[in-house]
Amino acid sequence: MRLKVEDLKGELKVMKKELEEKEYSLQFMENLNRTLVLKERRSNGELQAAHKEAIIGLESVASNRMTIGIKTMGEVDHKPFEDACLKKFCSREREEKAAELCSLWQEKVHDANWHPFKKETIDGKQIVRAH
């Protein structure tokens, strides 16, 4: 009987030790989760702010006369270029100039170093300008 009690006490100590380790691990995971949630919220806030800035920048640059569309991600729509060249050039030059302009913008879209907007700080205010 005495051996059984001693064995049970030993098992209880081992179980307590395992429980402490599990509690520590759980606390660590909860802290890590909180940290990741905070980072995700911060990143989401930054993304929302950048999205708003991009919309404002595009609205300020774009007008009823000027629309450059993106057909699929990374592919410039040629129709607005053709429409603009239809108004400015004769029929011989129109297609060539539209293709030239469309190619130029397509190159810019594919260039990872090209940024259509530039952030400037003037008198303590951040302003987004088109290049």
Protein backbone atom coordinates (compact mmCIF):
# COMPACT_ATOMS: atom_id res chain seq x y z
CA MET A 1 0.00 0.00 0.00
CA ARG A 2 2.80 2.36 0.95
CA LEU A 3 4.57 1.76 -2.39
CA LYS A 4 1.36 2.52 -4.21
CA VAL A 5 0.98 5.86 -2.40
CA GLU A 6 4.61 6.74 -3.17
CA ASP A 7 4.10 5.84 -6.84
CA LEU A 8 0.97 7.99 -6.98
CA LYS A 9 2.79 10.91 -5.34
CA GLY A 10 5.58 10.58 -7.92
CA GLU A 11 3.06 10.50 -10.76
CA LEU A 12 1.32 13.54 -9.27
CA LYS A 13 4.61 15.50 -9.22
CA VAL A 14 5.28 14.58 -12.85
CA MET A 15 1.76 15.61 -13.83
CA LYS A 16 2.10 18.93 -11.97
CA LYS A 17 5.37 19.61 -13.77
CA GLU A 18 3.76 18.79 -17.14
CA LEU A 19 0.79 21.02 -16.28
CA GLU A 20 3.12 23.92 -15.44
CA GLU A 21 4.91 23.46 -18.76
CA LYS A 22 1.60 23.38 -20.63
CA GLU A 23 0.41 26.53 -18.83
CA TYR A 24 3.66 28.30 -19.71
CA SER A 25 3.34 27.19 -23.33
CA LEU A 26 -0.30 28.36 -23.44
CA GLN A 27 0.63 31.75 -21.97
CA PHE A 28 3.43 32.12 -24.54
CA MET A 29 1.04 31.27 -27.39
CA GLU A 30 -1.57 33.73 -26.11
CA ASN A 31 1.05 36.51 -25.96
CA LEU A 32 2.25 35.64 -29.44
CA ASN A 33 -1.34 35.65 -30.72
CA ARG A 34 -1.98 39.09 -29.18
CA THR A 35 1.19 40.43 -30.78
CA LEU A 36 0.22 39.05 -34.19
CA VAL A 37 -3.31 40.46 -33.91
CA LEU A 38 -1.89 43.91 -33.08
CA LYS A 39 0.54 43.74 -36.01
CA GLU A 40 -2.26 42.64 -38.33
CA ARG A 41 -4.47 45.54 -37.22
CA ARG A 42 -1.62 48.02 -37.68
CA SER A 43 -0.82 46.63 -41.14
CA ASN A 44 -4.47 46.70 -42.10
CA GLY A 45 -4.70 50.33 -40.97
CA GLU A 46 -1.64 51.23 -43.05
CA LEU A 47 -3.10 49.40 -46.03
CA GLN A 48 -6.41 51.25 -45.66
CA ALA A 49 -4.58 54.59 -45.47
CA ALA A 50 -2.51 53.79 -48.57
CA HIS A 51 -5.67 52.72 -50.38
CA LYS A 52 -7.38 56.02 -49.54
CA GLU A 53 -4.29 57.99 -50.64
CA ALA A 54 -4.19 56.11 -53.93
CA ILE A 55 -7.86 56.83 -54.60
CA ILE A 56 -7.46 60.51 -53.75
CA GLY A 57 -4.33 60.71 -55.91
CA LEU A 58 -6.04 59.04 -58.83
CA GLU A 59 -9.10 61.26 -58.49
CA SER A 60 -6.94 64.39 -58.46
CA VAL A 61 -4.96 63.27 -61.50
CA ALA A 62 -7.81 61.81 -63.51
CA SER A 63 -10.42 63.92 -65.19
CA ASN A 64 -13.32 63.25 -67.52
CA ARG A 65 -10.98 63.67 -70.48
CA MET A 66 -8.27 61.35 -69.22
CA THR A 67 -8.84 57.73 -68.32
CA ILE A 68 -6.19 55.05 -68.37
CA GLY A 69 -7.64 51.64 -67.62
CA ILE A 70 -6.10 48.39 -66.57
CA LYS A 71 -7.74 45.39 -68.30
CA THR A 72 -6.10 42.73 -66.20
CA MET A 73 -3.50 43.07 -63.54
CA GLY A 74 -0.43 44.56 -65.19
CA GLU A 75 -2.01 44.97 -68.63
CA VAL A 76 -2.83 48.47 -69.92
CA ASP A 77 -6.10 48.93 -71.84
CA HIS A 78 -5.35 50.29 -75.33
CA LYS A 79 -8.85 51.74 -75.95
CA PRO A 80 -8.35 55.04 -74.03
CA PHE A 81 -5.12 55.65 -75.98
CA GLU A 82 -6.89 55.03 -79.27
CA ASP A 83 -9.73 57.35 -78.27
CA ALA A 84 -7.31 60.13 -77.28
CA CYS A 85 -5.27 59.75 -80.47
CA LEU A 86 -8.46 59.76 -82.55
CA LYS A 87 -9.03 63.36 -81.43
CA LYS A 88 -5.45 64.58 -81.87
CA PHE A 89 -3.96 62.83 -84.91
CA CYS A 90 -4.86 62.10 -88.51
CA SER A 91 -5.80 58.55 -89.46
CA ARG A 92 -2.27 57.60 -90.58
CA GLU A 93 -0.61 58.65 -87.34
CA ARG A 94 -3.42 57.70 -84.99
CA GLU A 95 -2.82 53.93 -84.75
CA GLU A 96 0.94 54.27 -84.61
CA LYS A 97 0.86 56.95 -81.89
CA ALA A 98 -1.75 55.02 -79.85
CA ALA A 99 0.38 51.87 -79.98
CA GLU A 100 3.48 53.86 -79.04
CA LEU A 101 1.80 55.50 -76.03
CA CYS A 102 0.20 52.25 -74.91
CA SER A 103 3.59 50.49 -75.08
CA LEU A 104 5.21 53.28 -73.07
CA TRP A 105 2.63 52.98 -70.31
CA GLN A 106 2.81 49.19 -70.42
CA GLU A 107 6.57 49.44 -69.79
CA LYS A 108 5.95 51.76 -66.84
CA VAL A 109 3.39 49.38 -65.33
CA HIS A 110 5.86 46.48 -65.56
CA ASP A 111 8.75 48.51 -64.08
CA ALA A 112 8.92 47.66 -60.38
CA ASN A 113 10.92 50.85 -59.69
CA TRP A 114 8.31 53.16 -61.25
CA HIS A 115 5.93 54.81 -58.81
CA PRO A 116 3.11 56.89 -60.31
CA PHE A 117 2.72 58.93 -57.14
CA LYS A 118 5.25 60.74 -54.97
CA LYS A 119 4.74 61.68 -51.32
CA GLU A 120 5.98 65.11 -50.33
CA THR A 121 5.81 66.95 -47.05
CA ILE A 122 5.11 70.66 -47.46
CA ASP A 123 4.54 72.84 -44.40
CA GLY A 124 4.07 69.73 -42.28
CA LYS A 125 1.34 68.31 -44.55
CA GLN A 126 1.81 65.20 -46.61
CA ILE A 127 0.84 65.67 -50.24
CA VAL A 128 0.59 62.96 -52.88
CA ARG A 129 1.55 64.13 -56.36
CA ALA A 130 1.56 62.38 -59.71
CA HIS A 131 4.89 62.02 -61.47
